[in-house]
Amino acid sequence: MEMVALDDEERVTEGALGIMTSLQEETIDFGALDWLIMPCCGFDPRGYRLGMGGGFYDRALEHCEPDAPLRIGVAFAAQQASFEPDPWDQPFDWIVTETGFTRR
């Protein structure tokens, strides 16, 4: 997974899985980001997330400092679940749902 800037919302194209993506080519190191908003399929009260099973965010974040970037998960409250995270899972700092937010 690579991050690129989106300096101009006119410079986007449809990428894999129909996800709009920047046409910029210069990548940005995850550790240089102030915050990162991540979707999830599920989350637990400790701040761990369930994604789509590819581990893309976890692998990208494993080389970052623990507090950089600030990791914000976005989910519906009904997606809260009980599960044991894998050793490589990276927890959220904040989880935001339609009912409020939780800070780890």
PDB file of N, CA and C in Angstrom:
ATOM      1  N   MET A   1       0.842  -1.161   0.000  1.00  0.00           N
ATOM      2  CA  MET A   1       0.000   0.000   0.000  1.00  0.00           C
ATOM      3  C   MET A   1       0.892   1.231   0.000  1.00  0.00           C
ATOM      4  N   GLU A   2       0.579   2.176  -0.859  1.00  0.00           N
ATOM      5  CA  GLU A   2       1.315   3.436  -0.921  1.00  0.00           C
ATOM      6  C   GLU A   2       0.341   4.589  -0.762  1.00  0.00           C
ATOM      7  N   MET A   3       0.812   5.642  -0.126  1.00  0.00           N
ATOM      8  CA  MET A   3       0.019   6.857   0.028  1.00  0.00           C
ATOM      9  C   MET A   3       0.578   7.914  -0.910  1.00  0.00           C
ATOM     10  N   VAL A   4      -0.325   8.632  -1.552  1.00  0.00           N
ATOM     11  CA  VAL A   4       0.072   9.748  -2.405  1.00  0.00           C
ATOM     12  C   VAL A   4      -0.781  10.948  -2.063  1.00  0.00           C
ATOM     13  N   ALA A   5      -0.282  12.119  -2.379  1.00  0.00           N
ATOM     14  CA  ALA A   5      -1.011  13.359  -2.090  1.00  0.00           C
ATOM     15  C   ALA A   5      -2.193  13.508  -3.048  1.00  0.00           C
ATOM     16  N   LEU A   6      -3.177  14.215  -2.596  1.00  0.00           N
ATOM     17  CA  LEU A   6      -4.289  14.623  -3.443  1.00  0.00           C
ATOM     18  C   LEU A   6      -4.352  16.133  -3.347  1.00  0.00           C
ATOM     19  N   ASP A   7      -3.576  16.793  -4.198  1.00  0.00           N
ATOM     20  CA  ASP A   7      -3.482  18.246  -4.176  1.00  0.00           C
ATOM     21  C   ASP A   7      -4.614  18.926  -4.930  1.00  0.00           C
ATOM     22  N   ASP A   8      -5.239  18.190  -5.829  1.00  0.00           N
ATOM     23  CA  ASP A   8      -6.282  18.750  -6.681  1.00  0.00           C
ATOM     24  C   ASP A   8      -7.326  17.672  -6.909  1.00  0.00           C
ATOM     25  N   GLU A   9      -8.539  17.880  -6.414  1.00  0.00           N
ATOM     26  CA  GLU A   9      -9.555  16.839  -6.535  1.00  0.00           C
ATOM     27  C   GLU A   9      -9.979  16.570  -7.976  1.00  0.00           C
ATOM     28  N   GLU A  10      -9.509  17.369  -8.905  1.00  0.00           N
ATOM     29  CA  GLU A  10      -9.758  17.109 -10.322  1.00  0.00           C
ATOM     30  C   GLU A  10      -8.794  16.052 -10.861  1.00  0.00           C
ATOM     31  N   ARG A  11      -7.712  15.775 -10.121  1.00  0.00           N
ATOM     32  CA  ARG A  11      -6.692  14.827 -10.582  1.00  0.00           C
ATOM     33  C   ARG A  11      -6.895  13.455  -9.933  1.00  0.00           C
ATOM     34  N   VAL A  12      -8.060  12.850 -10.183  1.00  0.00           N
ATOM     35  CA  VAL A  12      -8.359  11.528  -9.666  1.00  0.00           C
ATOM     36  C   VAL A  12      -8.797  10.617 -10.811  1.00  0.00           C
ATOM     37  N   THR A  13      -8.693   9.340 -10.546  1.00  0.00           N
ATOM     38  CA  THR A  13      -9.134   8.339 -11.502  1.00  0.00           C
ATOM     39  C   THR A  13      -9.721   7.167 -10.738  1.00  0.00           C
ATOM     40  N   GLU A  14     -10.497   6.352 -11.407  1.00  0.00           N
ATOM     41  CA  GLU A  14     -11.046   5.178 -10.754  1.00  0.00           C
ATOM     42  C   GLU A  14      -9.975   4.094 -10.728  1.00  0.00           C
ATOM     43  N   GLY A  15      -9.659   3.636  -9.532  1.00  0.00           N
ATOM     44  CA  GLY A  15      -8.632   2.622  -9.360  1.00  0.00           C
ATOM     45  C   GLY A  15      -9.238   1.254  -9.120  1.00  0.00           C
ATOM     46  N   ALA A  16      -8.452   0.394  -8.491  1.00  0.00           N
ATOM     47  CA  ALA A  16      -8.883  -0.969  -8.199  1.00  0.00           C
ATOM     48  C   ALA A  16     -10.160  -0.971  -7.367  1.00  0.00           C
ATOM     49  N   LEU A  17     -11.033  -1.893  -7.654  1.00  0.00           N
ATOM     50  CA  LEU A  17     -12.298  -2.072  -6.931  1.00  0.00           C
ATOM     51  C   LEU A  17     -13.202  -0.849  -7.000  1.00  0.00           C
ATOM     52  N   GLY A  18     -12.993   0.015  -8.005  1.00  0.00           N
ATOM     53  CA  GLY A  18     -13.829   1.190  -8.179  1.00  0.00           C
ATOM     54  C   GLY A  18     -13.552   2.313  -7.202  1.00  0.00           C
ATOM     55  N   ILE A  19     -12.422   2.254  -6.500  1.00  0.00           N
ATOM     56  CA  ILE A  19     -12.068   3.269  -5.515  1.00  0.00           C
ATOM     57  C   ILE A  19     -11.361   4.418  -6.213  1.00  0.00           C
ATOM     58  N   MET A  20     -11.849   5.627  -5.998  1.00  0.00           N
ATOM     59  CA  MET A  20     -11.230   6.797  -6.610  1.00  0.00           C
ATOM     60  C   MET A  20      -9.852   7.010  -5.987  1.00  0.00           C
ATOM     61  N   THR A  21      -8.881   7.305  -6.822  1.00  0.00           N
ATOM     62  CA  THR A  21      -7.510   7.455  -6.361  1.00  0.00           C
ATOM     63  C   THR A  21      -6.825   8.611  -7.070  1.00  0.00           C
ATOM     64  N   SER A  22      -5.809   9.137  -6.434  1.00  0.00           N
ATOM     65  CA  SER A  22      -5.071  10.281  -6.964  1.00  0.00           C
ATOM     66  C   SER A  22      -4.232   9.873  -8.172  1.00  0.00           C
ATOM     67  N   LEU A  23      -4.065  10.793  -9.096  1.00  0.00           N
ATOM     68  CA  LEU A  23      -3.170  10.593 -10.232  1.00  0.00           C
ATOM     69  C   LEU A  23      -1.733  10.995  -9.904  1.00  0.00           C
ATOM     70  N   GLN A  24      -1.515  11.562  -8.707  1.00  0.00           N
ATOM     71  CA  GLN A  24      -0.169  11.933  -8.282  1.00  0.00           C
ATOM     72  C   GLN A  24       0.695  10.676  -8.210  1.00  0.00           C
ATOM     73  N   GLU A  25       1.981  10.803  -8.447  1.00  0.00           N
ATOM     74  CA  GLU A  25       2.868   9.646  -8.400  1.00  0.00           C
ATOM     75  C   GLU A  25       3.847   9.688  -7.231  1.00  0.00           C
ATOM     76  N   GLU A  26       4.094  10.852  -6.664  1.00  0.00           N
ATOM     77  CA  GLU A  26       5.037  10.955  -5.556  1.00  0.00           C
ATOM     78  C   GLU A  26       4.401  10.377  -4.292  1.00  0.00           C
ATOM     79  N   THR A  27       5.057   9.376  -3.702  1.00  0.00           N
ATOM     80  CA  THR A  27       4.498   8.719  -2.524  1.00  0.00           C
ATOM     81  C   THR A  27       4.864   9.470  -1.251  1.00  0.00           C
ATOM     82  N   ILE A  28       4.088   9.216  -0.216  1.00  0.00           N
ATOM     83  CA  ILE A  28       4.272   9.833   1.094  1.00  0.00           C
ATOM     84  C   ILE A  28       4.487   8.711   2.102  1.00  0.00           C
ATOM     85  N   ASP A  29       5.466   8.849   2.969  1.00  0.00           N
ATOM     86  CA  ASP A  29       5.713   7.874   4.019  1.00  0.00           C
ATOM     87  C   ASP A  29       4.590   7.952   5.053  1.00  0.00           C
ATOM     88  N   PHE A  30       4.064   6.810   5.469  1.00  0.00           N
ATOM     89  CA  PHE A  30       2.989   6.796   6.458  1.00  0.00           C
ATOM     90  C   PHE A  30       3.381   7.549   7.720  1.00  0.00           C
ATOM     91  N   GLY A  31       4.631   7.449   8.146  1.00  0.00           N
ATOM     92  CA  GLY A  31       5.090   8.125   9.352  1.00  0.00           C
ATOM     93  C   GLY A  31       5.080   9.632   9.240  1.00  0.00           C
ATOM     94  N   ALA A  32       5.003  10.159   8.025  1.00  0.00           N
ATOM     95  CA  ALA A  32       4.966  11.606   7.816  1.00  0.00           C
ATOM     96  C   ALA A  32       3.553  12.167   7.953  1.00  0.00           C
ATOM     97  N   LEU A  33       2.562  11.293   8.004  1.00  0.00           N
ATOM     98  CA  LEU A  33       1.176  11.732   8.135  1.00  0.00           C
ATOM     99  C   LEU A  33       0.883  12.145   9.575  1.00  0.00           C
ATOM    100  N   ASP A  34       0.031  13.144   9.749  1.00  0.00           N
ATOM    101  CA  ASP A  34      -0.411  13.533  11.086  1.00  0.00           C
ATOM    102  C   ASP A  34      -1.493  12.586  11.591  1.00  0.00           C
ATOM    103  N   TRP A  35      -2.377  12.174  10.707  1.00  0.00           N
ATOM    104  CA  TRP A  35      -3.456  11.264  11.066  1.00  0.00           C
ATOM    105  C   TRP A  35      -3.840  10.434   9.858  1.00  0.00           C
ATOM    106  N   LEU A  36      -4.470   9.307  10.117  1.00  0.00           N
ATOM    107  CA  LEU A  36      -4.894   8.385   9.077  1.00  0.00           C
ATOM    108  C   LEU A  36      -6.276   7.865   9.458  1.00  0.00           C
ATOM    109  N   ILE A  37      -7.253   8.065   8.577  1.00  0.00           N
ATOM    110  CA  ILE A  37      -8.609   7.575   8.798  1.00  0.00           C
ATOM    111  C   ILE A  37      -8.748   6.257   8.051  1.00  0.00           C
ATOM    112  N   MET A  38      -9.133   5.201   8.793  1.00  0.00           N
ATOM    113  CA  MET A  38      -9.221   3.863   8.211  1.00  0.00           C
ATOM    114  C   MET A  38     -10.626   3.295   8.381  1.00  0.00           C
ATOM    115  N   PRO A  39     -11.173   2.727   7.328  1.00  0.00           N
ATOM    116  CA  PRO A  39     -12.455   2.025   7.461  1.00  0.00           C
ATOM    117  C   PRO A  39     -12.214   0.667   8.114  1.00  0.00           C
ATOM    118  N   CYS A  40     -13.255   0.086   8.654  1.00  0.00           N
ATOM    119  CA  CYS A  40     -13.102  -1.255   9.204  1.00  0.00           C
ATOM    120  C   CYS A  40     -14.411  -2.024   9.081  1.00  0.00           C
ATOM    121  N   CYS A  41     -14.281  -3.333   9.083  1.00  0.00           N
ATOM    122  CA  CYS A  41     -15.454  -4.217   9.059  1.00  0.00           C
ATOM    123  C   CYS A  41     -15.945  -4.498  10.472  1.00  0.00           C
ATOM    124  N   GLY A  42     -15.047  -4.331  11.426  1.00  0.00           N
ATOM    125  CA  GLY A  42     -15.376  -4.551  12.820  1.00  0.00           C
ATOM    126  C   GLY A  42     -14.277  -3.978  13.691  1.00  0.00           C
ATOM    127  N   PHE A  43     -14.574  -3.807  14.967  1.00  0.00           N
ATOM    128  CA  PHE A  43     -13.595  -3.279  15.916  1.00  0.00           C
ATOM    129  C   PHE A  43     -13.933  -3.809  17.292  1.00  0.00           C
ATOM    130  N   ASP A  44     -12.944  -3.751  18.185  1.00  0.00           N
ATOM    131  CA  ASP A  44     -13.211  -4.150  19.565  1.00  0.00           C
ATOM    132  C   ASP A  44     -12.929  -2.973  20.495  1.00  0.00           C
ATOM    133  N   PRO A  45     -13.347  -3.045  21.754  1.00  0.00           N
ATOM    134  CA  PRO A  45     -13.181  -1.925  22.676  1.00  0.00           C
ATOM    135  C   PRO A  45     -11.726  -1.553  22.939  1.00  0.00           C
ATOM    136  N   ARG A  46     -10.785  -2.455  22.653  1.00  0.00           N
ATOM    137  CA  ARG A  46      -9.366  -2.161  22.852  1.00  0.00           C
ATOM    138  C   ARG A  46      -8.773  -1.368  21.700  1.00  0.00           C
ATOM    139  N   GLY A  47      -9.552  -1.167  20.641  1.00  0.00           N
ATOM    140  CA  GLY A  47      -9.074  -0.379  19.514  1.00  0.00           C
ATOM    141  C   GLY A  47      -8.596  -1.184  18.331  1.00  0.00           C
ATOM    142  N   TYR A  48      -8.725  -2.501  18.368  1.00  0.00           N
ATOM    143  CA  TYR A  48      -8.294  -3.313  17.232  1.00  0.00           C
ATOM    144  C   TYR A  48      -9.389  -3.363  16.176  1.00  0.00           C
ATOM    145  N   ARG A  49      -8.953  -3.534  14.933  1.00  0.00           N
ATOM    146  CA  ARG A  49      -9.891  -3.507  13.819  1.00  0.00           C
ATOM    147  C   ARG A  49      -9.904  -4.833  13.082  1.00  0.00           C
ATOM    148  N   LEU A  50     -11.032  -5.093  12.473  1.00  0.00           N
ATOM    149  CA  LEU A  50     -11.153  -6.162  11.498  1.00  0.00           C
ATOM    150  C   LEU A  50     -11.269  -5.486  10.142  1.00  0.00           C
ATOM    151  N   GLY A  51     -10.399  -5.842   9.237  1.00  0.00           N
ATOM    152  CA  GLY A  51     -10.456  -5.281   7.892  1.00  0.00           C
ATOM    153  C   GLY A  51     -11.009  -6.311   6.926  1.00  0.00           C
ATOM    154  N   MET A  52     -10.486  -6.290   5.723  1.00  0.00           N
ATOM    155  CA  MET A  52     -10.944  -7.219   4.696  1.00  0.00           C
ATOM    156  C   MET A  52     -10.013  -8.423   4.570  1.00  0.00           C
ATOM    157  N   GLY A  53      -9.045  -8.555   5.480  1.00  0.00           N
ATOM    158  CA  GLY A  53      -8.201  -9.730   5.497  1.00  0.00           C
ATOM    159  C   GLY A  53      -6.901  -9.622   4.730  1.00  0.00           C
ATOM    160  N   GLY A  54      -6.621  -8.482   4.135  1.00  0.00           N
ATOM    161  CA  GLY A  54      -5.383  -8.345   3.379  1.00  0.00           C
ATOM    162  C   GLY A  54      -4.205  -7.866   4.204  1.00  0.00           C
ATOM    163  N   GLY A  55      -4.463  -7.254   5.353  1.00  0.00           N
ATOM    164  CA  GLY A  55      -3.399  -6.751   6.212  1.00  0.00           C
ATOM    165  C   GLY A  55      -2.664  -5.547   5.657  1.00  0.00           C
ATOM    166  N   PHE A  56      -3.269  -4.843   4.701  1.00  0.00           N
ATOM    167  CA  PHE A  56      -2.593  -3.722   4.048  1.00  0.00           C
ATOM    168  C   PHE A  56      -2.249  -2.601   5.031  1.00  0.00           C
ATOM    169  N   TYR A  57      -3.205  -2.177   5.849  1.00  0.00           N
ATOM    170  CA  TYR A  57      -2.939  -1.103   6.814  1.00  0.00           C
ATOM    171  C   TYR A  57      -1.942  -1.565   7.867  1.00  0.00           C
ATOM    172  N   ASP A  58      -2.106  -2.776   8.352  1.00  0.00           N
ATOM    173  CA  ASP A  58      -1.204  -3.282   9.392  1.00  0.00           C
ATOM    174  C   ASP A  58       0.240  -3.318   8.902  1.00  0.00           C
ATOM    175  N   ARG A  59       0.459  -3.815   7.708  1.00  0.00           N
ATOM    176  CA  ARG A  59       1.827  -3.882   7.177  1.00  0.00           C
ATOM    177  C   ARG A  59       2.397  -2.494   6.928  1.00  0.00           C
ATOM    178  N   ALA A  60       1.560  -1.570   6.476  1.00  0.00           N
ATOM    179  CA  ALA A  60       2.040  -0.207   6.225  1.00  0.00           C
ATOM    180  C   ALA A  60       2.389   0.502   7.533  1.00  0.00           C
ATOM    181  N   LEU A  61       1.635   0.247   8.587  1.00  0.00           N
ATOM    182  CA  LEU A  61       1.839   0.940   9.861  1.00  0.00           C
ATOM    183  C   LEU A  61       2.889   0.299  10.757  1.00  0.00           C
ATOM    184  N   GLU A  62       3.274  -0.934  10.480  1.00  0.00           N
ATOM    185  CA  GLU A  62       4.225  -1.600  11.375  1.00  0.00           C
ATOM    186  C   GLU A  62       5.597  -0.936  11.386  1.00  0.00           C
ATOM    187  N   HIS A  63       5.906  -0.114  10.395  1.00  0.00           N
ATOM    188  CA  HIS A  63       7.196   0.571  10.329  1.00  0.00           C
ATOM    189  C   HIS A  63       7.135   1.988  10.893  1.00  0.00           C
ATOM    190  N   CYS A  64       5.962   2.386  11.389  1.00  0.00           N
ATOM    191  CA  CYS A  64       5.770   3.733  11.928  1.00  0.00           C
ATOM    192  C   CYS A  64       5.981   3.738  13.443  1.00  0.00           C
ATOM    193  N   GLU A  65       6.225   4.921  13.965  1.00  0.00           N
ATOM    194  CA  GLU A  65       6.267   5.090  15.418  1.00  0.00           C
ATOM    195  C   GLU A  65       4.873   4.815  15.977  1.00  0.00           C
ATOM    196  N   PRO A  66       4.759   4.404  17.236  1.00  0.00           N
ATOM    197  CA  PRO A  66       3.450   4.065  17.804  1.00  0.00           C
ATOM    198  C   PRO A  66       2.425   5.196  17.740  1.00  0.00           C
ATOM    199  N   ASP A  67       2.867   6.449  17.817  1.00  0.00           N
ATOM    200  CA  ASP A  67       1.911   7.565  17.833  1.00  0.00           C
ATOM    201  C   ASP A  67       1.878   8.356  16.536  1.00  0.00           C
ATOM    202  N   ALA A  68       2.476   7.845  15.487  1.00  0.00           N
ATOM    203  CA  ALA A  68       2.486   8.583  14.223  1.00  0.00           C
ATOM    204  C   ALA A  68       2.236   7.618  13.072  1.00  0.00           C
ATOM    205  N   PRO A  69       1.235   7.835  12.323  1.00  0.00           N
ATOM    206  CA  PRO A  69       0.219   8.864  12.487  1.00  0.00           C
ATOM    207  C   PRO A  69      -0.840   8.465  13.532  1.00  0.00           C
ATOM    208  N   LEU A  70      -1.651   9.449  13.921  1.00  0.00           N
ATOM    209  CA  LEU A  70      -2.802   9.177  14.770  1.00  0.00           C
ATOM    210  C   LEU A  70      -3.751   8.300  13.961  1.00  0.00           C
ATOM    211  N   ARG A  71      -4.170   7.186  14.521  1.00  0.00           N
ATOM    212  CA  ARG A  71      -4.963   6.190  13.784  1.00  0.00           C
ATOM    213  C   ARG A  71      -6.418   6.288  14.188  1.00  0.00           C
ATOM    214  N   ILE A  72      -7.258   6.683  13.240  1.00  0.00           N
ATOM    215  CA  ILE A  72      -8.675   6.908  13.493  1.00  0.00           C
ATOM    216  C   ILE A  72      -9.481   5.888  12.693  1.00  0.00           C
ATOM    217  N   GLY A  73     -10.284   5.098  13.388  1.00  0.00           N
ATOM    218  CA  GLY A  73     -11.136   4.115  12.731  1.00  0.00           C
ATOM    219  C   GLY A  73     -12.547   4.649  12.615  1.00  0.00           C
ATOM    220  N   VAL A  74     -13.177   4.373  11.499  1.00  0.00           N
ATOM    221  CA  VAL A  74     -14.554   4.792  11.260  1.00  0.00           C
ATOM    222  C   VAL A  74     -15.400   3.545  11.056  1.00  0.00           C
ATOM    223  N   ALA A  75     -16.467   3.434  11.838  1.00  0.00           N
ATOM    224  CA  ALA A  75     -17.312   2.246  11.774  1.00  0.00           C
ATOM    225  C   ALA A  75     -18.717   2.597  12.255  1.00  0.00           C
ATOM    226  N   PHE A  76     -19.614   1.652  12.140  1.00  0.00           N
ATOM    227  CA  PHE A  76     -20.929   1.757  12.760  1.00  0.00           C
ATOM    228  C   PHE A  76     -20.851   1.074  14.118  1.00  0.00           C
ATOM    229  N   ALA A  77     -21.587   1.568  15.089  1.00  0.00           N
ATOM    230  CA  ALA A  77     -21.551   0.997  16.436  1.00  0.00           C
ATOM    231  C   ALA A  77     -21.888  -0.497  16.420  1.00  0.00           C
ATOM    232  N   ALA A  78     -22.762  -0.917  15.520  1.00  0.00           N
ATOM    233  CA  ALA A  78     -23.155  -2.326  15.430  1.00  0.00           C
ATOM    234  C   ALA A  78     -22.006  -3.228  14.972  1.00  0.00           C
ATOM    235  N   GLN A  79     -20.900  -2.651  14.517  1.00  0.00           N
ATOM    236  CA  GLN A  79     -19.757  -3.431  14.073  1.00  0.00           C
ATOM    237  C   GLN A  79     -18.809  -3.807  15.213  1.00  0.00           C
ATOM    238  N   GLN A  80     -19.121  -3.368  16.438  1.00  0.00           N
ATOM    239  CA  GLN A  80     -18.272  -3.749  17.569  1.00  0.00           C
ATOM    240  C   GLN A  80     -18.380  -5.252  17.777  1.00  0.00           C
ATOM    241  N   ALA A  81     -17.240  -5.901  17.964  1.00  0.00           N
ATOM    242  CA  ALA A  81     -17.202  -7.354  18.069  1.00  0.00           C
ATOM    243  C   ALA A  81     -16.164  -7.782  19.106  1.00  0.00           C
ATOM    244  N   SER A  82     -16.224  -9.037  19.497  1.00  0.00           N
ATOM    245  CA  SER A  82     -15.215  -9.625  20.378  1.00  0.00           C
ATOM    246  C   SER A  82     -14.354 -10.548  19.538  1.00  0.00           C
ATOM    247  N   PHE A  83     -13.053 -10.327  19.561  1.00  0.00           N
ATOM    248  CA  PHE A  83     -12.126 -11.177  18.827  1.00  0.00           C
ATOM    249  C   PHE A  83     -10.736 -10.967  19.385  1.00  0.00           C
ATOM    250  N   GLU A  84      -9.855 -11.885  19.106  1.00  0.00           N
ATOM    251  CA  GLU A  84      -8.462 -11.764  19.507  1.00  0.00           C
ATOM    252  C   GLU A  84      -7.659 -11.271  18.309  1.00  0.00           C
ATOM    253  N   PRO A  85      -6.945 -10.161  18.462  1.00  0.00           N
ATOM    254  CA  PRO A  85      -6.156  -9.654  17.343  1.00  0.00           C
ATOM    255  C   PRO A  85      -4.963 -10.558  17.056  1.00  0.00           C
ATOM    256  N   ASP A  86      -4.535 -10.539  15.807  1.00  0.00           N
ATOM    257  CA  ASP A  86      -3.311 -11.252  15.438  1.00  0.00           C
ATOM    258  C   ASP A  86      -2.118 -10.443  15.923  1.00  0.00           C
ATOM    259  N   PRO A  87      -0.961 -11.062  16.077  1.00  0.00           N
ATOM    260  CA  PRO A  87       0.221 -10.353  16.604  1.00  0.00           C
ATOM    261  C   PRO A  87       0.623  -9.129  15.785  1.00  0.00           C
ATOM    262  N   TRP A  88       0.323  -9.101  14.518  1.00  0.00           N
ATOM    263  CA  TRP A  88       0.725  -7.986  13.657  1.00  0.00           C
ATOM    264  C   TRP A  88      -0.335  -6.885  13.578  1.00  0.00           C
ATOM    265  N   ASP A  89      -1.491  -7.086  14.188  1.00  0.00           N
ATOM    266  CA  ASP A  89      -2.556  -6.086  14.111  1.00  0.00           C
ATOM    267  C   ASP A  89      -2.153  -4.791  14.789  1.00  0.00           C
ATOM    268  N   GLN A  90      -2.497  -3.688  14.166  1.00  0.00           N
ATOM    269  CA  GLN A  90      -2.196  -2.346  14.667  1.00  0.00           C
ATOM    270  C   GLN A  90      -3.491  -1.720  15.200  1.00  0.00           C
ATOM    271  N   PRO A  91      -3.548  -1.324  16.457  1.00  0.00           N
ATOM    272  CA  PRO A  91      -4.783  -0.768  17.014  1.00  0.00           C
ATOM    273  C   PRO A  91      -5.014   0.686  16.598  1.00  0.00           C
ATOM    274  N   PHE A  92      -6.267   1.097  16.664  1.00  0.00           N
ATOM    275  CA  PHE A  92      -6.660   2.489  16.458  1.00  0.00           C
ATOM    276  C   PHE A  92      -6.309   3.293  17.700  1.00  0.00           C
ATOM    277  N   ASP A  93      -6.137   4.595  17.529  1.00  0.00           N
ATOM    278  CA  ASP A  93      -6.070   5.511  18.666  1.00  0.00           C
ATOM    279  C   ASP A  93      -7.476   5.983  19.018  1.00  0.00           C
ATOM    280  N   TRP A  94      -8.288   6.177  18.003  1.00  0.00           N
ATOM    281  CA  TRP A  94      -9.677   6.615  18.157  1.00  0.00           C
ATOM    282  C   TRP A  94     -10.571   5.750  17.281  1.00  0.00           C
ATOM    283  N   ILE A  95     -11.776   5.469  17.759  1.00  0.00           N
ATOM    284  CA  ILE A  95     -12.806   4.834  16.945  1.00  0.00           C
ATOM    285  C   ILE A  95     -14.003   5.766  16.952  1.00  0.00           C
ATOM    286  N   VAL A  96     -14.476   6.123  15.773  1.00  0.00           N
ATOM    287  CA  VAL A  96     -15.600   7.038  15.632  1.00  0.00           C
ATOM    288  C   VAL A  96     -16.773   6.272  15.025  1.00  0.00           C
ATOM    289  N   THR A  97     -17.924   6.348  15.700  1.00  0.00           N
ATOM    290  CA  THR A  97     -19.149   5.741  15.185  1.00  0.00           C
ATOM    291  C   THR A  97     -20.251   6.791  15.210  1.00  0.00           C
ATOM    292  N   GLU A  98     -21.424   6.416  14.731  1.00  0.00           N
ATOM    293  CA  GLU A  98     -22.548   7.344  14.733  1.00  0.00           C
ATOM    294  C   GLU A  98     -23.032   7.665  16.142  1.00  0.00           C
ATOM    295  N   THR A  99     -22.599   6.878  17.146  1.00  0.00           N
ATOM    296  CA  THR A  99     -23.032   7.114  18.527  1.00  0.00           C
ATOM    297  C   THR A  99     -21.990   7.836  19.370  1.00  0.00           C
ATOM    298  N   GLY A 100     -20.820   8.097  18.789  1.00  0.00           N
ATOM    299  CA  GLY A 100     -19.783   8.798  19.539  1.00  0.00           C
ATOM    300  C   GLY A 100     -18.414   8.301  19.164  1.00  0.00           C
ATOM    301  N   PHE A 101     -17.472   8.490  20.083  1.00  0.00           N
ATOM    302  CA  PHE A 101     -16.096   8.075  19.807  1.00  0.00           C
ATOM    303  C   PHE A 101     -15.500   7.450  21.051  1.00  0.00           C
ATOM    304  N   THR A 102     -14.502   6.610  20.800  1.00  0.00           N
ATOM    305  CA  THR A 102     -13.782   5.939  21.872  1.00  0.00           C
ATOM    306  C   THR A 102     -12.309   6.201  21.665  1.00  0.00           C
ATOM    307  N   ARG A 103     -11.620   6.536  22.726  1.00  0.00           N
ATOM    308  CA  ARG A 103     -10.176   6.760  22.668  1.00  0.00           C
ATOM    309  C   ARG A 103      -9.483   5.615  23.380  1.00  0.00           C
ATOM    310  N   ARG A 104      -8.452   5.068  22.731  1.00  0.00           N
ATOM    311  CA  ARG A 104      -7.692   3.957  23.317  1.00  0.00           C
ATOM    312  C   ARG A 104      -6.805   4.452  24.414  1.00  0.00           C
TER     313      ARG A 104
END
